[in-house]
Amino acid sequence: MTITSNIINNKELSPCVRNCCLDGNDVCVGCYRHLSEIVGWRDKSESQKKAILVCCEQRKNKPLISK
């Protein structure tokens, strides 16, 4: 099940998995939200949250590039 469908189906619009750690691009390695998406999460509309969740799913499925 995807992050988006799991959260929306459970009516819990927060992807937080309590594994908060930002990577070098300021993206949380637990929920895949960018720092700018985490800040003010509670104040965002449901449609804004859903759009962020779609971005999270895309980040999660994006292959990692090794340096």
C-alpha atoms as a PDB file:
ATOM      1  CA  MET A   1       0.000   0.000   0.000  1.00  0.00           C
ATOM      2  CA  THR A   2       1.285   3.463  -0.819  1.00  0.00           C
ATOM      3  CA  ILE A   3       1.841   6.288   1.658  1.00  0.00           C
ATOM      4  CA  THR A   4      -0.961   8.274   0.051  1.00  0.00           C
ATOM      5  CA  SER A   5      -3.625   5.555  -0.046  1.00  0.00           C
ATOM      6  CA  ASN A   6      -2.745   4.269   3.416  1.00  0.00           C
ATOM      7  CA  ILE A   7      -3.075   7.690   5.009  1.00  0.00           C
ATOM      8  CA  ILE A   8      -6.184   8.756   3.095  1.00  0.00           C
ATOM      9  CA  ASN A   9      -7.941   5.432   3.724  1.00  0.00           C
ATOM     10  CA  ASN A  10      -7.239   5.735   7.443  1.00  0.00           C
ATOM     11  CA  LYS A  11      -8.406   9.387   7.531  1.00  0.00           C
ATOM     12  CA  GLU A  12      -5.078  10.260   9.139  1.00  0.00           C
ATOM     13  CA  LEU A  13      -3.541  12.972   7.029  1.00  0.00           C
ATOM     14  CA  SER A  14      -0.047  12.849   8.428  1.00  0.00           C
ATOM     15  CA  PRO A  15       2.658  10.735   6.857  1.00  0.00           C
ATOM     16  CA  CYS A  16       4.895  11.048   9.918  1.00  0.00           C
ATOM     17  CA  VAL A  17       6.358   7.703  10.996  1.00  0.00           C
ATOM     18  CA  ARG A  18       8.369   9.138  13.910  1.00  0.00           C
ATOM     19  CA  ASN A  19      11.648   8.577  12.069  1.00  0.00           C
ATOM     20  CA  CYS A  20      12.542  12.229  11.655  1.00  0.00           C
ATOM     21  CA  CYS A  21      15.905  12.697  10.017  1.00  0.00           C
ATOM     22  CA  LEU A  22      16.621  15.021   7.107  1.00  0.00           C
ATOM     23  CA  ASP A  23      18.858  14.030   4.235  1.00  0.00           C
ATOM     24  CA  GLY A  24      21.169  16.422   2.396  1.00  0.00           C
ATOM     25  CA  ASN A  25      18.220  17.828   0.444  1.00  0.00           C
ATOM     26  CA  ASP A  26      16.169  18.558   3.596  1.00  0.00           C
ATOM     27  CA  VAL A  27      13.840  15.626   2.896  1.00  0.00           C
ATOM     28  CA  CYS A  28      12.792  13.446   5.829  1.00  0.00           C
ATOM     29  CA  VAL A  29      13.998   9.871   5.389  1.00  0.00           C
ATOM     30  CA  GLY A  30      10.948   8.624   7.289  1.00  0.00           C
ATOM     31  CA  CYS A  31       8.005  10.330   5.578  1.00  0.00           C
ATOM     32  CA  TYR A  32       9.691  11.829   2.482  1.00  0.00           C
ATOM     33  CA  ARG A  33       8.350  15.344   3.134  1.00  0.00           C
ATOM     34  CA  HIS A  34      10.610  18.299   2.448  1.00  0.00           C
ATOM     35  CA  LEU A  35      11.308  20.525   5.440  1.00  0.00           C
ATOM     36  CA  SER A  36       9.128  23.242   3.887  1.00  0.00           C
ATOM     37  CA  GLU A  37       6.255  20.726   3.713  1.00  0.00           C
ATOM     38  CA  ILE A  38       6.666  19.617   7.329  1.00  0.00           C
ATOM     39  CA  VAL A  39       6.590  23.155   8.706  1.00  0.00           C
ATOM     40  CA  GLY A  40       3.005  24.297   9.105  1.00  0.00           C
ATOM     41  CA  TRP A  41       1.534  20.886   8.222  1.00  0.00           C
ATOM     42  CA  ARG A  42      -1.400  21.355  10.609  1.00  0.00           C
ATOM     43  CA  ASP A  43      -2.356  24.641   8.954  1.00  0.00           C
ATOM     44  CA  LYS A  44      -2.457  23.232   5.419  1.00  0.00           C
ATOM     45  CA  SER A  45      -5.784  22.433   3.766  1.00  0.00           C
ATOM     46  CA  GLU A  46      -6.749  18.844   3.035  1.00  0.00           C
ATOM     47  CA  SER A  47      -6.100  19.388  -0.681  1.00  0.00           C
ATOM     48  CA  GLN A  48      -2.636  20.821   0.066  1.00  0.00           C
ATOM     49  CA  LYS A  49      -1.856  17.818   2.261  1.00  0.00           C
ATOM     50  CA  LYS A  50      -2.966  15.395  -0.426  1.00  0.00           C
ATOM     51  CA  ALA A  51      -0.764  17.165  -2.992  1.00  0.00           C
ATOM     52  CA  ILE A  52       2.205  16.902  -0.620  1.00  0.00           C
ATOM     53  CA  LEU A  53       1.479  13.215  -0.092  1.00  0.00           C
ATOM     54  CA  VAL A  54       1.623  12.643  -3.848  1.00  0.00           C
ATOM     55  CA  CYS A  55       5.058  14.297  -3.868  1.00  0.00           C
ATOM     56  CA  CYS A  56       6.128  12.098  -0.947  1.00  0.00           C
ATOM     57  CA  GLU A  57       5.125   8.979  -2.847  1.00  0.00           C
ATOM     58  CA  GLN A  58       7.123  10.120  -5.875  1.00  0.00           C
ATOM     59  CA  ARG A  59      10.183  10.781  -3.714  1.00  0.00           C
ATOM     60  CA  LYS A  60       9.842   7.395  -2.037  1.00  0.00           C
ATOM     61  CA  ASN A  61       9.768   5.601  -5.379  1.00  0.00           C
ATOM     62  CA  LYS A  62      12.597   7.625  -6.933  1.00  0.00           C
ATOM     63  CA  PRO A  63      15.796   5.569  -7.223  1.00  0.00           C
ATOM     64  CA  LEU A  64      18.683   6.754  -5.081  1.00  0.00           C
ATOM     65  CA  ILE A  65      21.735   8.045  -6.892  1.00  0.00           C
ATOM     66  CA  SER A  66      25.031   7.010  -5.339  1.00  0.00           C
ATOM     67  CA  LYS A  67      27.943   9.432  -5.374  1.00  0.00           C
END
